[in-house]
Structures are given as structure tokens and as C-alpha cells.
Amino acid sequence: MEKGWKEVLLTRDEVRATMARDILTNEGIPAVVLNQKDSTYNSFGDLAVYVPEASEEKALDLIKDLKD
């Protein structure tokens, strides 16, 4: 990921990652999901949600209930 972005959620659940991104963007925080799943075996790997560094604390508070 580019400099200035922080990981706020790491999960294997695509629905959870999408929910986190939607919650954050609805609150005005830019968020991206980075899919790190193996393309051959879709069951291996994680999805990471990233936000700008300045929004990390607020983002973590907003999605605290989605953490594994």
C-alpha cells in the first residue's frame, strides 16, 4: 500500500471487509480494500482495509465491532 495509508482491518471475510469500507466511506473517510487472497485457491489469504493515516483513530473506533 502507498505511504500515508494505515491498515485498520484484516479479515478473511469479504462481507466484513466490504461492510467496513462502506461504514467508513459513509462517514466521509476514504477507504480501500486490498485483496490479498490467492487467485488459485480463493480460500487462502486475507482482505485488508486501509484508510488515510490521519483518519486511523476515527476509523478504528467506527469499525471496532467488525474486528475478528
C-alpha atoms as a PDB file:
ATOM      1  CA  MET A   1       0.000   0.000   0.000  1.00  0.00           C
ATOM      2  CA  GLU A   2       1.148   3.557  -0.625  1.00  0.00           C
ATOM      3  CA  LYS A   3       2.690   5.710   2.094  1.00  0.00           C
ATOM      4  CA  GLY A   4       0.235   7.602   4.244  1.00  0.00           C
ATOM      5  CA  TRP A   5      -2.316   4.766   4.487  1.00  0.00           C
ATOM      6  CA  LYS A   6      -2.893   2.567   7.537  1.00  0.00           C
ATOM      7  CA  GLU A   7      -4.444  -0.877   7.814  1.00  0.00           C
ATOM      8  CA  VAL A   8      -7.469  -0.805  10.103  1.00  0.00           C
ATOM      9  CA  LEU A   9      -8.917  -4.263   9.457  1.00  0.00           C
ATOM     10  CA  LEU A  10      -7.521  -7.609   8.335  1.00  0.00           C
ATOM     11  CA  THR A  11     -10.056 -10.356   7.701  1.00  0.00           C
ATOM     12  CA  ARG A  12     -10.751 -13.412   5.568  1.00  0.00           C
ATOM     13  CA  ASP A  13     -14.416 -12.450   5.284  1.00  0.00           C
ATOM     14  CA  GLU A  14     -15.193 -10.459   2.135  1.00  0.00           C
ATOM     15  CA  VAL A  15     -18.549  -9.311   3.513  1.00  0.00           C
ATOM     16  CA  ARG A  16     -16.883  -7.935   6.678  1.00  0.00           C
ATOM     17  CA  ALA A  17     -14.274  -6.056   4.635  1.00  0.00           C
ATOM     18  CA  THR A  18     -16.971  -4.561   2.393  1.00  0.00           C
ATOM     19  CA  MET A  19     -19.068  -3.564   5.405  1.00  0.00           C
ATOM     20  CA  ALA A  20     -16.062  -1.826   6.968  1.00  0.00           C
ATOM     21  CA  ARG A  21     -15.337   0.061   3.751  1.00  0.00           C
ATOM     22  CA  ASP A  22     -18.978   1.126   3.436  1.00  0.00           C
ATOM     23  CA  ILE A  23     -19.187   2.303   7.066  1.00  0.00           C
ATOM     24  CA  LEU A  24     -16.021   4.335   6.672  1.00  0.00           C
ATOM     25  CA  THR A  25     -16.935   5.921   3.344  1.00  0.00           C
ATOM     26  CA  ASN A  26     -20.409   6.790   4.666  1.00  0.00           C
ATOM     27  CA  GLU A  27     -18.642   8.691   7.453  1.00  0.00           C
ATOM     28  CA  GLY A  28     -16.506  10.572   4.923  1.00  0.00           C
ATOM     29  CA  ILE A  29     -13.340   8.522   5.418  1.00  0.00           C
ATOM     30  CA  PRO A  30     -11.748   7.273   2.193  1.00  0.00           C
ATOM     31  CA  ALA A  31     -11.231   3.519   2.479  1.00  0.00           C
ATOM     32  CA  VAL A  32      -9.913   0.835   0.166  1.00  0.00           C
ATOM     33  CA  VAL A  33      -9.979  -2.956   0.377  1.00  0.00           C
ATOM     34  CA  LEU A  34      -6.807  -4.712  -0.686  1.00  0.00           C
ATOM     35  CA  ASN A  35      -7.499  -8.309  -1.691  1.00  0.00           C
ATOM     36  CA  GLN A  36      -4.540 -10.486  -0.718  1.00  0.00           C
ATOM     37  CA  LYS A  37      -6.294 -13.771  -1.449  1.00  0.00           C
ATOM     38  CA  ASP A  38      -4.549 -16.334  -3.585  1.00  0.00           C
ATOM     39  CA  SER A  39      -6.137 -16.242  -7.034  1.00  0.00           C
ATOM     40  CA  THR A  40      -5.878 -20.009  -7.451  1.00  0.00           C
ATOM     41  CA  TYR A  41      -7.188 -21.023  -4.050  1.00  0.00           C
ATOM     42  CA  ASN A  42      -9.634 -18.304  -3.052  1.00  0.00           C
ATOM     43  CA  SER A  43      -9.828 -19.718   0.478  1.00  0.00           C
ATOM     44  CA  PHE A  44      -6.246 -18.688   1.331  1.00  0.00           C
ATOM     45  CA  GLY A  45      -5.281 -15.134   2.185  1.00  0.00           C
ATOM     46  CA  ASP A  46      -6.796 -12.031   3.679  1.00  0.00           C
ATOM     47  CA  LEU A  47      -8.512  -8.803   2.786  1.00  0.00           C
ATOM     48  CA  ALA A  48      -7.105  -5.629   4.313  1.00  0.00           C
ATOM     49  CA  VAL A  49      -8.973  -2.351   4.731  1.00  0.00           C
ATOM     50  CA  TYR A  50      -6.837   0.790   4.560  1.00  0.00           C
ATOM     51  CA  VAL A  51      -7.591   4.423   5.413  1.00  0.00           C
ATOM     52  CA  PRO A  52      -5.522   7.607   5.304  1.00  0.00           C
ATOM     53  CA  GLU A  53      -3.154   7.834   8.266  1.00  0.00           C
ATOM     54  CA  ALA A  54      -4.887  10.939   9.633  1.00  0.00           C
ATOM     55  CA  SER A  55      -8.206   9.048   9.876  1.00  0.00           C
ATOM     56  CA  GLU A  56      -6.868   5.895  11.535  1.00  0.00           C
ATOM     57  CA  GLU A  57      -8.177   6.523  15.076  1.00  0.00           C
ATOM     58  CA  LYS A  58     -11.674   7.516  13.972  1.00  0.00           C
ATOM     59  CA  ALA A  59     -11.812   4.578  11.555  1.00  0.00           C
ATOM     60  CA  LEU A  60     -10.772   2.084  14.231  1.00  0.00           C
ATOM     61  CA  ASP A  61     -13.486   3.418  16.519  1.00  0.00           C
ATOM     62  CA  LEU A  62     -16.145   3.207  13.803  1.00  0.00           C
ATOM     63  CA  ILE A  63     -15.413  -0.413  12.881  1.00  0.00           C
ATOM     64  CA  LYS A  64     -14.415  -1.812  16.280  1.00  0.00           C
ATOM     65  CA  ASP A  65     -17.408  -4.180  16.268  1.00  0.00           C
ATOM     66  CA  LEU A  66     -16.277  -5.741  12.972  1.00  0.00           C
ATOM     67  CA  LYS A  67     -12.887  -6.866  14.262  1.00  0.00           C
ATOM     68  CA  ASP A  68     -12.349 -10.642  14.327  1.00  0.00           C
END
